[in-house]
C-alpha atoms as a PDB file:
ATOM      1  CA  MET A   1       0.089 -10.527   2.360  1.00  0.00           C
ATOM      2  CA  GLN A   2       0.780 -10.724  -1.619  1.00  0.00           C
ATOM      3  CA  GLU A   3      -2.836 -12.019  -2.309  1.00  0.00           C
ATOM      4  CA  ALA A   4      -4.388  -9.107  -0.404  1.00  0.00           C
ATOM      5  CA  ILE A   5      -2.146  -6.639  -2.548  1.00  0.00           C
ATOM      6  CA  GLY A   6      -3.269  -8.319  -5.851  1.00  0.00           C
ATOM      7  CA  TYR A   7      -7.047  -8.259  -4.580  1.00  0.00           C
ATOM      8  CA  ALA A   8      -6.933  -4.611  -3.602  1.00  0.00           C
ATOM      9  CA  HIS A   9      -5.312  -3.676  -7.082  1.00  0.00           C
ATOM     10  CA  GLU A  10      -7.924  -5.724  -8.739  1.00  0.00           C
ATOM     11  CA  VAL A  11     -10.833  -3.936  -7.123  1.00  0.00           C
ATOM     12  CA  GLU A  12      -9.234  -0.596  -7.103  1.00  0.00           C
ATOM     13  CA  VAL A  13      -9.091  -0.268  -3.337  1.00  0.00           C
ATOM     14  CA  PRO A  14      -6.569   2.527  -2.062  1.00  0.00           C
ATOM     15  CA  THR A  15      -4.540   0.687   0.575  1.00  0.00           C
ATOM     16  CA  VAL A  16      -1.415   1.267   2.078  1.00  0.00           C
ATOM     17  CA  PHE A  17       0.806  -1.544   3.195  1.00  0.00           C
ATOM     18  CA  PHE A  18       3.986  -1.067   5.826  1.00  0.00           C
ATOM     19  CA  ASN A  19       6.652  -3.599   5.336  1.00  0.00           C
ATOM     20  CA  ILE A  20       9.213  -3.118   7.808  1.00  0.00           C
ATOM     21  CA  GLN A  21      11.797  -5.989   6.853  1.00  0.00           C
ATOM     22  CA  ARG A  22      14.021  -8.078   9.107  1.00  0.00           C
ATOM     23  CA  VAL A  23      16.138 -11.224   8.722  1.00  0.00           C
ATOM     24  CA  GLY A  24      14.459 -14.790   8.450  1.00  0.00           C
ATOM     25  CA  PRO A  25      11.135 -16.303   8.894  1.00  0.00           C
ATOM     26  CA  ALA A  26       8.859 -16.023  11.877  1.00  0.00           C
ATOM     27  CA  THR A  27      10.977 -14.711  14.764  1.00  0.00           C
ATOM     28  CA  GLY A  28      14.116 -15.009  12.771  1.00  0.00           C
ATOM     29  CA  MET A  29      16.546 -12.145  13.985  1.00  0.00           C
ATOM     30  CA  PRO A  30      14.138  -9.621  14.783  1.00  0.00           C
ATOM     31  CA  THR A  31      16.618  -6.742  15.446  1.00  0.00           C
ATOM     32  CA  MET A  32      18.924  -7.416  12.382  1.00  0.00           C
ATOM     33  CA  PRO A  33      18.239  -5.247   9.050  1.00  0.00           C
ATOM     34  CA  ALA A  34      17.389  -6.870   5.669  1.00  0.00           C
ATOM     35  CA  GLN A  35      16.148  -5.860   2.137  1.00  0.00           C
ATOM     36  CA  GLN A  36      14.996  -8.999   0.837  1.00  0.00           C
ATOM     37  CA  ASP A  37      11.421  -8.125   0.523  1.00  0.00           C
ATOM     38  CA  ILE A  38      12.206  -5.415  -2.365  1.00  0.00           C
ATOM     39  CA  VAL A  39      11.955  -8.035  -5.265  1.00  0.00           C
ATOM     40  CA  GLN A  40       8.748  -9.592  -3.639  1.00  0.00           C
ATOM     41  CA  THR A  41       7.299  -6.152  -3.511  1.00  0.00           C
ATOM     42  CA  ASN A  42       7.514  -5.739  -6.883  1.00  0.00           C
ATOM     43  CA  TYR A  43       6.907  -9.131  -8.520  1.00  0.00           C
ATOM     44  CA  GLY A  44       5.301 -11.036  -5.524  1.00  0.00           C
ATOM     45  CA  SER A  45       1.523 -10.831  -6.281  1.00  0.00           C
ATOM     46  CA  SER A  46      -0.225 -12.310  -9.649  1.00  0.00           C
ATOM     47  CA  GLY A  47      -1.362  -9.759 -11.996  1.00  0.00           C
ATOM     48  CA  ASP A  48       0.170  -7.605 -14.742  1.00  0.00           C
ATOM     49  CA  TYR A  49       0.989  -4.531 -12.630  1.00  0.00           C
ATOM     50  CA  TYR A  50       3.700  -2.920 -10.378  1.00  0.00           C
ATOM     51  CA  PRO A  51       2.591  -1.455  -7.084  1.00  0.00           C
ATOM     52  CA  LEU A  52       3.836   1.901  -5.946  1.00  0.00           C
ATOM     53  CA  ALA A  53       6.488   1.499  -3.390  1.00  0.00           C
ATOM     54  CA  PHE A  54       8.410   4.132  -1.227  1.00  0.00           C
ATOM     55  CA  TYR A  55      11.615   3.408   0.828  1.00  0.00           C
ATOM     56  CA  PRO A  56      12.462   6.243   3.302  1.00  0.00           C
ATOM     57  CA  ASN A  57      15.843   6.502   4.788  1.00  0.00           C
ATOM     58  CA  SER A  58      15.177   8.359   7.768  1.00  0.00           C
ATOM     59  CA  VAL A  59      12.591   9.003  10.618  1.00  0.00           C
ATOM     60  CA  ALA A  60      11.528  12.241   8.879  1.00  0.00           C
ATOM     61  CA  GLU A  61      11.260  10.550   5.423  1.00  0.00           C
ATOM     62  CA  CYS A  62       8.992   7.811   7.124  1.00  0.00           C
ATOM     63  CA  TYR A  63       6.538  10.634   8.339  1.00  0.00           C
ATOM     64  CA  ARG A  64       6.645  12.216   4.817  1.00  0.00           C
ATOM     65  CA  TYR A  65       6.440   9.058   2.754  1.00  0.00           C
ATOM     66  CA  ALA A  66       3.498   7.602   4.948  1.00  0.00           C
ATOM     67  CA  ILE A  67       1.672  10.721   4.034  1.00  0.00           C
ATOM     68  CA  THR A  68       2.674  10.454   0.254  1.00  0.00           C
ATOM     69  CA  ALA A  69       1.747   6.950   0.283  1.00  0.00           C
ATOM     70  CA  PHE A  70      -1.887   7.426   1.434  1.00  0.00           C
ATOM     71  CA  ASN A  71      -2.223  10.261  -1.100  1.00  0.00           C
ATOM     72  CA  ALA A  72      -0.615   8.069  -3.863  1.00  0.00           C
ATOM     73  CA  ALA A  73      -3.116   5.308  -2.932  1.00  0.00           C
ATOM     74  CA  GLU A  74      -6.147   7.625  -3.163  1.00  0.00           C
ATOM     75  CA  LYS A  75      -5.112   9.089  -6.564  1.00  0.00           C
ATOM     76  CA  SER A  76      -4.146   5.836  -8.066  1.00  0.00           C
ATOM     77  CA  LEU A  77      -6.938   3.576  -6.436  1.00  0.00           C
ATOM     78  CA  SER A  78      -4.448   1.029  -5.947  1.00  0.00           C
ATOM     79  CA  PRO A  79      -2.131  -0.361  -3.090  1.00  0.00           C
ATOM     80  CA  VAL A  80       0.946   1.546  -2.134  1.00  0.00           C
ATOM     81  CA  ILE A  81       3.808  -0.402  -0.001  1.00  0.00           C
ATOM     82  CA  LEU A  82       6.141   1.602   2.296  1.00  0.00           C
ATOM     83  CA  LEU A  83       9.231  -0.471   3.032  1.00  0.00           C
ATOM     84  CA  SER A  84      11.776  -0.186   5.649  1.00  0.00           C
ATOM     85  CA  ASP A  85      14.163  -2.278   7.636  1.00  0.00           C
ATOM     86  CA  ALA A  86      15.740  -2.575  11.099  1.00  0.00           C
ATOM     87  CA  PHE A  87      18.132   0.324  10.586  1.00  0.00           C
ATOM     88  CA  VAL A  88      15.394   2.897  10.013  1.00  0.00           C
ATOM     89  CA  GLY A  89      12.902   1.235  12.417  1.00  0.00           C
ATOM     90  CA  HIS A  90      15.314   1.626  15.448  1.00  0.00           C
ATOM     91  CA  LEU A  91      16.238   5.271  14.660  1.00  0.00           C
ATOM     92  CA  ASN A  92      15.597   8.000  17.100  1.00  0.00           C
ATOM     93  CA  GLU A  93      15.203  11.215  15.520  1.00  0.00           C
ATOM     94  CA  VAL A  94      13.364  14.695  16.513  1.00  0.00           C
ATOM     95  CA  VAL A  95      10.850  15.477  13.828  1.00  0.00           C
ATOM     96  CA  ASP A  96       8.766  18.519  13.834  1.00  0.00           C
ATOM     97  CA  PRO A  97       5.629  17.815  11.885  1.00  0.00           C
ATOM     98  CA  ASP A  98       5.115  21.435  11.074  1.00  0.00           C
ATOM     99  CA  ASP A  99       8.260  21.634   9.203  1.00  0.00           C
ATOM    100  CA  ILE A 100       6.723  18.953   6.690  1.00  0.00           C
ATOM    101  CA  ASP A 101       4.206  20.121   4.117  1.00  0.00           C
ATOM    102  CA  VAL A 102       1.194  17.973   4.400  1.00  0.00           C
ATOM    103  CA  GLU A 103      -1.061  17.632   1.253  1.00  0.00           C
ATOM    104  CA  VAL A 104      -4.425  15.955   1.806  1.00  0.00           C
ATOM    105  CA  VAL A 105      -5.708  14.511  -1.536  1.00  0.00           C
ATOM    106  CA  PRO A 106      -9.384  14.528  -1.931  1.00  0.00           C
ATOM    107  CA  ARG A 107     -11.065  11.150  -2.182  1.00  0.00           C
ATOM    108  CA  THR A 108     -11.781  10.268  -5.983  1.00  0.00           C
ATOM    109  CA  ARG A 109     -14.580   8.019  -4.838  1.00  0.00           C
ATOM    110  CA  PRO A 110     -17.098   8.487  -1.988  1.00  0.00           C
ATOM    111  CA  PRO A 111     -16.154   6.475   1.266  1.00  0.00           C
ATOM    112  CA  LEU A 112     -17.436   3.346   2.083  1.00  0.00           C
ATOM    113  CA  GLY A 113     -20.964   3.299   3.600  1.00  0.00           C
ATOM    114  CA  THR A 114     -22.241   6.194   1.467  1.00  0.00           C
ATOM    115  CA  GLY A 115     -23.572   3.954  -1.355  1.00  0.00           C
ATOM    116  CA  LYS A 116     -23.749   0.629  -3.010  1.00  0.00           C
ATOM    117  CA  ARG A 117     -20.666  -0.989  -3.982  1.00  0.00           C
ATOM    118  CA  PHE A 118     -19.271  -4.621  -4.674  1.00  0.00           C
ATOM    119  CA  PHE A 119     -15.927  -6.108  -4.027  1.00  0.00           C
ATOM    120  CA  THR A 120     -16.247  -9.507  -5.169  1.00  0.00           C
ATOM    121  CA  GLY A 121     -13.055 -10.122  -6.818  1.00  0.00           C
ATOM    122  CA  LEU A 122     -14.927 -11.006 -10.158  1.00  0.00           C
ATOM    123  CA  ALA A 123     -15.520  -8.675 -13.103  1.00  0.00           C
ATOM    124  CA  HIS A 124     -19.372  -7.761 -12.460  1.00  0.00           C
ATOM    125  CA  ASP A 125     -22.173  -5.502 -13.517  1.00  0.00           C
ATOM    126  CA  ASP A 126     -23.652  -2.656 -11.522  1.00  0.00           C
ATOM    127  CA  ALA A 127     -26.025  -5.129  -9.641  1.00  0.00           C
ATOM    128  CA  GLY A 128     -23.109  -7.248  -8.554  1.00  0.00           C
ATOM    129  CA  ASN A 129     -23.875 -10.205 -10.910  1.00  0.00           C
ATOM    130  CA  PRO A 130     -20.586 -11.852 -12.494  1.00  0.00           C
ATOM    131  CA  ARG A 131     -19.936 -10.465 -16.182  1.00  0.00           C
ATOM    132  CA  THR A 132     -17.271 -11.001 -18.559  1.00  0.00           C
ATOM    133  CA  ALA A 133     -18.783  -8.670 -21.219  1.00  0.00           C
ATOM    134  CA  ASP A 134     -19.157  -4.932 -20.490  1.00  0.00           C
ATOM    135  CA  ALA A 135     -18.113  -5.560 -16.716  1.00  0.00           C
ATOM    136  CA  GLY A 136     -16.912  -3.072 -14.373  1.00  0.00           C
ATOM    137  CA  VAL A 137     -14.776  -4.023 -11.419  1.00  0.00           C
END
């Protein structure tokens, strides 16, 4: 996951990653809560950036922060990580979506399929050729 987050940041693709943490590798203890991915969220990927991250503590906040995460990704053109754990993941709560303000942020770039774009992972010019001088990503 860290490589994908770093790549999305490099090529300025607004993405949202949901990380619901649990104890142990593989199947581990799937119903036990854990918060061991917090440091990994901040420092796990290569590069000189810190991803935006949200950590809700209720079902209503999960809903609200999911919307906030997508809006923040569009505004910043970078990955956003929404963290949670087994405590929140197993909560049952009545949430009225009408009680939560939903702001839809307009896209800063046209959606995919509406023009020519290159996602190579390399610094490149407008034609997609690798360039180190006067390059755009």
